[in-house]
């Protein structure tokens, strides 16, 4: 199957520039395709020469609201009726506070900004809680085997395996093992890692507990 994002990129021979690692297009489409032709609220951090804003607008369709953030004031010229541009430093938490007030709805974030671990971490911490249920946070250009932001994302993934406050009970005549979810487990559905890219997907509904029901009546004595 063709990838509409990669097609757009390959056809962009003139005009506003787009600079992407080619393997990113499969990652984008895998995680974003469910939002196409819906009233999605999409943010790209780091818009550079503006070409990717046109790509996102075409990909998501006419119902999409596109936002761009860049530290360069000249990027304001890319603003249109369906694309709103904010000028600010992504490592500035005060800037993100103002942004959240101006943009109360947000479904997808793509961080293609300054690429430093500090900038990436601040943006993640300020925007991940702001995403609507089912939202997606994608950070790209995470490079190097000792990248500090990569280590932070790995730690988040490890926290999904928290297994505390475990108990057993009978619920609706069903014996079960359960673990009360942590705040992270309740809100984050999954963490995906690709070359240079991390994707965090939020849950559609909060997860109260993780449950392992026991079904059946015959159990071997060496099992519990």
Protein backbone atom coordinates (compact mmCIF):
# COMPACT_ATOMS: atom_id res chain seq x y z
CA UNK A 1 0.00 0.00 0.00
CA UNK A 2 1.18 3.52 -0.72
CA UNK A 3 1.89 5.88 2.14
CA UNK A 4 0.23 9.27 1.51
CA UNK A 5 2.81 11.08 3.65
CA UNK A 6 5.73 9.59 1.75
CA UNK A 7 3.97 10.31 -1.54
CA UNK A 8 3.59 13.97 -0.57
CA UNK A 9 7.26 14.10 0.41
CA UNK A 10 8.43 12.50 -2.82
CA UNK A 11 6.33 14.89 -4.89
CA UNK A 12 7.56 17.99 -3.07
CA UNK A 13 10.29 18.95 -5.52
CA UNK A 14 9.82 22.72 -5.20
CA UNK A 15 8.42 25.18 -2.69
CA UNK A 16 8.60 24.98 1.10
CA UNK A 17 11.20 22.52 2.30
CA UNK A 18 10.60 19.23 4.15
CA UNK A 19 13.46 17.31 5.74
CA UNK A 20 12.59 13.87 7.18
CA UNK A 21 14.24 10.51 7.70
CA UNK A 22 12.48 8.24 5.22
CA UNK A 23 11.61 5.54 7.76
CA UNK A 24 9.54 8.10 9.71
CA UNK A 25 6.68 8.01 7.21
CA UNK A 26 5.71 4.43 8.05
CA UNK A 27 5.74 5.32 11.76
CA UNK A 28 3.58 8.41 11.24
CA UNK A 29 0.99 6.56 9.18
CA UNK A 30 0.85 3.59 11.56
CA UNK A 31 -0.05 5.77 14.53
CA UNK A 32 -1.92 8.66 12.88
CA UNK A 33 -4.08 7.09 10.16
CA UNK A 34 -7.09 6.64 12.48
CA UNK A 35 -7.27 10.44 12.84
CA UNK A 36 -7.56 11.17 9.12
CA UNK A 37 -10.70 13.02 7.93
CA UNK A 38 -11.66 13.71 11.54
CA UNK A 39 -11.66 17.00 13.50
CA UNK A 40 -8.16 16.31 14.85
CA UNK A 41 -6.13 18.95 16.67
CA UNK A 42 -2.51 18.44 15.65
CA UNK A 43 0.66 20.22 16.85
CA UNK A 44 4.11 20.16 15.26
CA UNK A 45 6.99 21.59 17.29
CA UNK A 46 9.73 22.86 15.00
CA UNK A 47 8.35 23.88 11.61
CA UNK A 48 11.58 25.13 9.97
CA UNK A 49 10.74 25.91 6.32
CA UNK A 50 7.03 25.13 6.62
CA UNK A 51 6.74 22.26 4.15
CA UNK A 52 5.66 19.67 6.69
CA UNK A 53 2.71 21.85 7.77
CA UNK A 54 1.28 21.49 4.27
CA UNK A 55 1.94 17.76 4.40
CA UNK A 56 0.03 17.35 7.66
CA UNK A 57 -2.84 19.51 6.43
CA UNK A 58 -3.27 17.38 3.31
CA UNK A 59 -2.87 14.12 5.21
CA UNK A 60 -5.44 14.83 7.93
CA UNK A 61 -7.96 16.57 5.68
CA UNK A 62 -10.16 19.62 5.81
CA UNK A 63 -11.54 18.92 9.30
CA UNK A 64 -8.10 19.18 10.91
CA UNK A 65 -6.83 22.10 12.94
CA UNK A 66 -3.06 22.37 12.61
CA UNK A 67 -0.79 24.17 15.09
CA UNK A 68 2.89 24.94 14.71
CA UNK A 69 5.44 26.07 17.27
CA UNK A 70 8.85 27.51 16.45
CA UNK A 71 11.37 29.81 18.08
CA UNK A 72 11.92 31.69 14.80
CA UNK A 73 9.50 34.65 14.42
CA UNK A 74 9.66 34.44 10.60
CA UNK A 75 7.71 31.17 10.79
CA UNK A 76 4.60 33.21 11.56
CA UNK A 77 4.20 33.67 7.79
CA UNK A 78 3.06 30.03 7.48
CA UNK A 79 -0.17 30.81 9.32
CA UNK A 80 -3.43 30.17 7.41
CA UNK A 81 -7.13 29.83 8.22
CA UNK A 82 -6.55 26.25 9.41
CA UNK A 83 -2.96 26.55 10.65
CA UNK A 84 -2.13 28.61 13.72
CA UNK A 85 1.50 29.45 14.47
CA UNK A 86 2.91 30.14 17.95
CA UNK A 87 6.37 31.63 18.45
CA UNK A 88 8.17 30.47 21.56
CA UNK A 89 10.89 28.38 23.17
CA UNK A 90 9.87 24.76 23.75
CA UNK A 91 12.07 24.58 26.87
CA UNK A 92 10.08 27.45 28.44
CA UNK A 93 7.36 26.08 30.72
CA UNK A 94 5.68 29.49 30.91
CA UNK A 95 5.31 29.44 27.12
CA UNK A 96 3.57 26.05 27.29
CA UNK A 97 1.24 27.30 30.00
CA UNK A 98 0.11 30.09 27.68
CA UNK A 99 -0.13 27.65 24.77
CA UNK A 100 -2.40 25.27 26.71
CA UNK A 101 -4.71 28.15 27.56
CA UNK A 102 -4.87 29.17 23.89
CA UNK A 103 -5.24 25.56 22.62
CA UNK A 104 -7.52 23.67 25.02
CA UNK A 105 -7.93 20.69 22.66
CA UNK A 106 -4.98 18.64 21.43
CA UNK A 107 -4.88 15.11 19.99
CA UNK A 108 -1.42 14.67 18.48
CA UNK A 109 1.99 16.19 19.13
CA UNK A 110 5.03 15.74 16.89
CA UNK A 111 8.21 17.10 18.47
CA UNK A 112 10.65 17.96 15.68
CA UNK A 113 12.02 20.98 17.48
CA UNK A 114 15.45 21.70 18.94
CA UNK A 115 16.23 18.01 19.55
CA UNK A 116 18.07 18.53 22.84
CA UNK A 117 17.10 16.22 25.73
CA UNK A 118 16.06 19.20 27.88
CA UNK A 119 13.77 20.62 25.20
CA UNK A 120 12.26 17.21 24.51
CA UNK A 121 11.65 16.42 28.17
CA UNK A 122 10.07 19.78 29.00
CA UNK A 123 7.74 19.55 26.00
CA UNK A 124 6.73 16.00 26.90
CA UNK A 125 6.04 16.85 30.53
CA UNK A 126 4.04 19.94 29.62
CA UNK A 127 1.98 18.45 26.78
CA UNK A 128 1.42 14.74 27.45
CA UNK A 129 -1.07 15.43 30.28
CA UNK A 130 -2.79 17.98 28.00
CA UNK A 131 -3.55 15.44 25.25
CA UNK A 132 -7.12 14.25 24.99
CA UNK A 133 -7.93 10.57 25.73
CA UNK A 134 -6.57 8.43 22.89
CA UNK A 135 -4.03 11.10 22.00
CA UNK A 136 -0.55 10.43 20.65
CA UNK A 137 2.79 12.02 21.48
CA UNK A 138 5.62 11.43 19.00
CA UNK A 139 9.16 12.68 19.49
CA UNK A 140 11.62 12.30 16.65
CA UNK A 141 15.37 12.67 16.12
CA UNK A 142 16.30 10.96 19.40
CA UNK A 143 19.82 9.99 18.43
CA UNK A 144 22.80 8.44 20.20
CA UNK A 145 23.18 5.36 22.40
CA UNK A 146 23.48 7.47 25.56
CA UNK A 147 20.72 9.98 24.78
CA UNK A 148 19.27 11.34 28.04
CA UNK A 149 15.76 11.76 26.66
CA UNK A 150 15.81 8.18 25.37
CA UNK A 151 16.69 7.05 28.89
CA UNK A 152 13.76 9.07 30.24
CA UNK A 153 11.34 7.41 27.80
CA UNK A 154 12.72 3.98 28.67
CA UNK A 155 12.08 4.75 32.33
CA UNK A 156 8.48 5.63 31.53
CA UNK A 157 8.14 2.31 29.73
CA UNK A 158 9.57 0.49 32.75
CA UNK A 159 6.98 2.19 34.96
CA UNK A 160 4.20 0.60 32.92
CA UNK A 161 5.29 -2.69 34.54
CA UNK A 162 4.67 -1.48 38.10
CA UNK A 163 3.18 -4.36 40.10
CA UNK A 164 2.28 -3.02 43.53
CA UNK A 165 -0.73 -3.33 45.81
CA UNK A 166 -1.47 -6.81 44.42
CA UNK A 167 -4.39 -8.81 45.77
CA UNK A 168 -6.79 -11.65 45.08
CA UNK A 169 -10.55 -11.70 45.53
CA UNK A 170 -13.84 -13.05 44.25
CA UNK A 171 -15.68 -10.76 41.86
CA UNK A 172 -18.99 -11.87 40.28
CA UNK A 173 -18.20 -15.46 41.31
CA UNK A 174 -14.87 -15.18 39.52
CA UNK A 175 -11.56 -15.59 41.27
CA UNK A 176 -9.06 -13.02 40.11
CA UNK A 177 -5.65 -11.51 40.70
CA UNK A 178 -5.49 -7.73 40.47
CA UNK A 179 -3.06 -4.84 40.75
CA UNK A 180 -4.24 -1.29 41.31
CA UNK A 181 -2.98 0.88 38.47
CA UNK A 182 -0.51 3.68 38.98
CA UNK A 183 -1.19 7.18 37.66
CA UNK A 184 0.96 6.41 34.61
CA UNK A 185 -0.70 3.05 33.94
CA UNK A 186 -4.09 4.70 34.24
CA UNK A 187 -3.39 7.31 31.56
CA UNK A 188 -0.74 5.80 29.22
CA UNK A 189 -1.73 2.91 26.97
CA UNK A 190 1.66 2.12 25.44
CA UNK A 191 5.19 3.26 24.63
CA UNK A 192 6.63 2.44 21.19
CA UNK A 193 10.32 2.72 20.31
CA UNK A 194 11.70 2.97 16.78
CA UNK A 195 15.06 4.11 15.39
CA UNK A 196 15.32 7.79 16.44
CA UNK A 197 11.60 7.91 17.41
CA UNK A 198 9.49 7.38 20.53
CA UNK A 199 5.68 7.25 20.47
CA UNK A 200 3.49 7.42 23.57
CA UNK A 201 -0.20 6.62 23.21
CA UNK A 202 -2.76 7.65 25.83
CA UNK A 203 -5.69 5.53 26.90
CA UNK A 204 -9.21 6.20 25.68
CA UNK A 205 -10.52 5.65 29.22
CA UNK A 206 -8.62 5.55 32.54
CA UNK A 207 -7.44 2.13 33.71
CA UNK A 208 -8.42 1.54 37.34
CA UNK A 209 -6.77 -1.82 37.82
CA UNK A 210 -4.99 -4.57 35.93
CA UNK A 211 -6.89 -7.84 36.29
CA UNK A 212 -6.02 -11.49 35.69
CA UNK A 213 -9.24 -13.56 36.09
CA UNK A 214 -8.99 -17.31 36.73
CA UNK A 215 -11.37 -19.44 34.62
CA UNK A 216 -11.89 -23.17 34.88
CA UNK A 217 -12.34 -25.69 37.69
CA UNK A 218 -9.43 -28.09 37.29
CA UNK A 219 -6.02 -26.91 38.36
CA UNK A 220 -2.79 -28.88 38.68
CA UNK A 221 -1.49 -28.93 42.27
CA UNK A 222 1.80 -27.29 41.31
CA UNK A 223 -0.03 -24.24 39.97
CA UNK A 224 -1.61 -21.55 42.07
